[in-house]
């Protein structure tokens, strides 16, 4: 997962509206947050969403590109399978 591993190559290719430099810098800071470093929790999209939602607005404003990525991941379809005719 890009939010946890910080490997942005595929994501920037898929979503060109995300700046690669900005996203990389924000992800480097985001991944160091205590909620994502907790050994007892599994870092997943839902953990990242909860982390962003529980942040003070001033702190969340430090991660606008990460927040945009999370929003894109939440609305992205879960499967590429199409209905059979």
C-alpha atoms as a PDB file:
ATOM      1  CA  UNK A   1       0.000   0.000   0.000  1.00  0.00           C
ATOM      2  CA  UNK A   2       1.423   3.345  -1.041  1.00  0.00           C
ATOM      3  CA  UNK A   3       0.360   5.092   2.168  1.00  0.00           C
ATOM      4  CA  UNK A   4       2.357   2.685   4.293  1.00  0.00           C
ATOM      5  CA  UNK A   5       5.297   1.792   2.065  1.00  0.00           C
ATOM      6  CA  UNK A   6       5.718   5.181   0.431  1.00  0.00           C
ATOM      7  CA  UNK A   7       6.377   3.800  -3.053  1.00  0.00           C
ATOM      8  CA  UNK A   8       4.597   6.313  -5.254  1.00  0.00           C
ATOM      9  CA  UNK A   9       5.628   5.375  -8.798  1.00  0.00           C
ATOM     10  CA  UNK A  10       2.386   3.626  -9.783  1.00  0.00           C
ATOM     11  CA  UNK A  11       0.176   6.109  -7.953  1.00  0.00           C
ATOM     12  CA  UNK A  12       1.654   9.168  -9.652  1.00  0.00           C
ATOM     13  CA  UNK A  13       1.298   7.423 -12.997  1.00  0.00           C
ATOM     14  CA  UNK A  14      -2.347   6.526 -12.251  1.00  0.00           C
ATOM     15  CA  UNK A  15      -3.212   9.944 -10.764  1.00  0.00           C
ATOM     16  CA  UNK A  16      -1.120  12.566 -12.603  1.00  0.00           C
ATOM     17  CA  UNK A  17      -2.826  15.378 -10.679  1.00  0.00           C
ATOM     18  CA  UNK A  18      -0.750  14.384  -7.628  1.00  0.00           C
ATOM     19  CA  UNK A  19       2.669  16.018  -7.528  1.00  0.00           C
ATOM     20  CA  UNK A  20       5.334  13.359  -7.015  1.00  0.00           C
ATOM     21  CA  UNK A  21       7.662  15.592  -4.967  1.00  0.00           C
ATOM     22  CA  UNK A  22       4.902  16.874  -2.725  1.00  0.00           C
ATOM     23  CA  UNK A  23       3.374  13.426  -2.262  1.00  0.00           C
ATOM     24  CA  UNK A  24       6.722  11.844  -1.425  1.00  0.00           C
ATOM     25  CA  UNK A  25       7.560  14.526   1.151  1.00  0.00           C
ATOM     26  CA  UNK A  26       4.122  14.293   2.773  1.00  0.00           C
ATOM     27  CA  UNK A  27       4.194  10.490   2.842  1.00  0.00           C
ATOM     28  CA  UNK A  28       7.604  10.525   4.505  1.00  0.00           C
ATOM     29  CA  UNK A  29       6.139  12.650   7.319  1.00  0.00           C
ATOM     30  CA  UNK A  30       2.767  10.853   7.392  1.00  0.00           C
ATOM     31  CA  UNK A  31       4.329   7.408   7.809  1.00  0.00           C
ATOM     32  CA  UNK A  32       6.152   8.636  10.923  1.00  0.00           C
ATOM     33  CA  UNK A  33       2.936   9.461  12.775  1.00  0.00           C
ATOM     34  CA  UNK A  34       2.452   7.392  15.958  1.00  0.00           C
ATOM     35  CA  UNK A  35      -0.860   5.905  14.791  1.00  0.00           C
ATOM     36  CA  UNK A  36       0.856   4.383  11.761  1.00  0.00           C
ATOM     37  CA  UNK A  37       3.882   3.177  13.695  1.00  0.00           C
ATOM     38  CA  UNK A  38       1.878   1.338  16.350  1.00  0.00           C
ATOM     39  CA  UNK A  39       3.015  -2.285  16.263  1.00  0.00           C
ATOM     40  CA  UNK A  40      -0.384  -3.541  17.488  1.00  0.00           C
ATOM     41  CA  UNK A  41      -2.387  -2.058  14.620  1.00  0.00           C
ATOM     42  CA  UNK A  42      -2.277  -3.093  11.003  1.00  0.00           C
ATOM     43  CA  UNK A  43      -1.640  -0.089   8.795  1.00  0.00           C
ATOM     44  CA  UNK A  44      -4.439  -0.069   6.258  1.00  0.00           C
ATOM     45  CA  UNK A  45      -6.518   2.454   4.381  1.00  0.00           C
ATOM     46  CA  UNK A  46      -9.006   2.574   7.251  1.00  0.00           C
ATOM     47  CA  UNK A  47      -6.204   3.322   9.741  1.00  0.00           C
ATOM     48  CA  UNK A  48      -4.982   6.119   7.470  1.00  0.00           C
ATOM     49  CA  UNK A  49      -8.514   7.515   7.183  1.00  0.00           C
ATOM     50  CA  UNK A  50      -8.955   7.403  10.959  1.00  0.00           C
ATOM     51  CA  UNK A  51      -5.577   9.083  11.432  1.00  0.00           C
ATOM     52  CA  UNK A  52      -6.525  11.942   9.114  1.00  0.00           C
ATOM     53  CA  UNK A  53      -9.985  12.323  10.646  1.00  0.00           C
ATOM     54  CA  UNK A  54      -8.609  12.479  14.177  1.00  0.00           C
ATOM     55  CA  UNK A  55      -6.029  15.150  13.348  1.00  0.00           C
ATOM     56  CA  UNK A  56      -6.491  18.744  14.316  1.00  0.00           C
ATOM     57  CA  UNK A  57      -7.308  20.822  11.218  1.00  0.00           C
ATOM     58  CA  UNK A  58      -3.986  22.654  11.451  1.00  0.00           C
ATOM     59  CA  UNK A  59      -2.067  19.389  11.396  1.00  0.00           C
ATOM     60  CA  UNK A  60      -4.222  17.874   8.638  1.00  0.00           C
ATOM     61  CA  UNK A  61      -3.440  20.918   6.489  1.00  0.00           C
ATOM     62  CA  UNK A  62       0.165  19.673   6.415  1.00  0.00           C
ATOM     63  CA  UNK A  63      -0.962  16.635   4.360  1.00  0.00           C
ATOM     64  CA  UNK A  64      -3.192  17.945   1.525  1.00  0.00           C
ATOM     65  CA  UNK A  65      -1.776  15.579  -1.106  1.00  0.00           C
ATOM     66  CA  UNK A  66      -2.026  12.555   1.195  1.00  0.00           C
ATOM     67  CA  UNK A  67      -5.625  13.526   1.953  1.00  0.00           C
ATOM     68  CA  UNK A  68      -6.347  13.792  -1.788  1.00  0.00           C
ATOM     69  CA  UNK A  69      -4.808  10.362  -2.339  1.00  0.00           C
ATOM     70  CA  UNK A  70      -6.909   8.855   0.450  1.00  0.00           C
ATOM     71  CA  UNK A  71     -10.036  10.372  -1.073  1.00  0.00           C
ATOM     72  CA  UNK A  72      -9.109   8.957  -4.490  1.00  0.00           C
ATOM     73  CA  UNK A  73      -8.492   5.518  -2.996  1.00  0.00           C
ATOM     74  CA  UNK A  74     -11.837   5.607  -1.193  1.00  0.00           C
ATOM     75  CA  UNK A  75     -13.807   6.345  -4.352  1.00  0.00           C
ATOM     76  CA  UNK A  76     -11.799   4.062  -6.626  1.00  0.00           C
ATOM     77  CA  UNK A  77     -13.692   0.989  -7.696  1.00  0.00           C
ATOM     78  CA  UNK A  78     -12.828  -2.163  -5.778  1.00  0.00           C
ATOM     79  CA  UNK A  79     -12.679  -4.378  -8.827  1.00  0.00           C
ATOM     80  CA  UNK A  80     -12.024  -4.087 -12.511  1.00  0.00           C
ATOM     81  CA  UNK A  81     -14.412  -6.925 -13.299  1.00  0.00           C
ATOM     82  CA  UNK A  82     -17.269  -6.063 -15.598  1.00  0.00           C
ATOM     83  CA  UNK A  83     -20.699  -7.624 -15.788  1.00  0.00           C
ATOM     84  CA  UNK A  84     -21.131 -10.528 -18.146  1.00  0.00           C
ATOM     85  CA  UNK A  85     -23.547 -10.136 -21.011  1.00  0.00           C
END
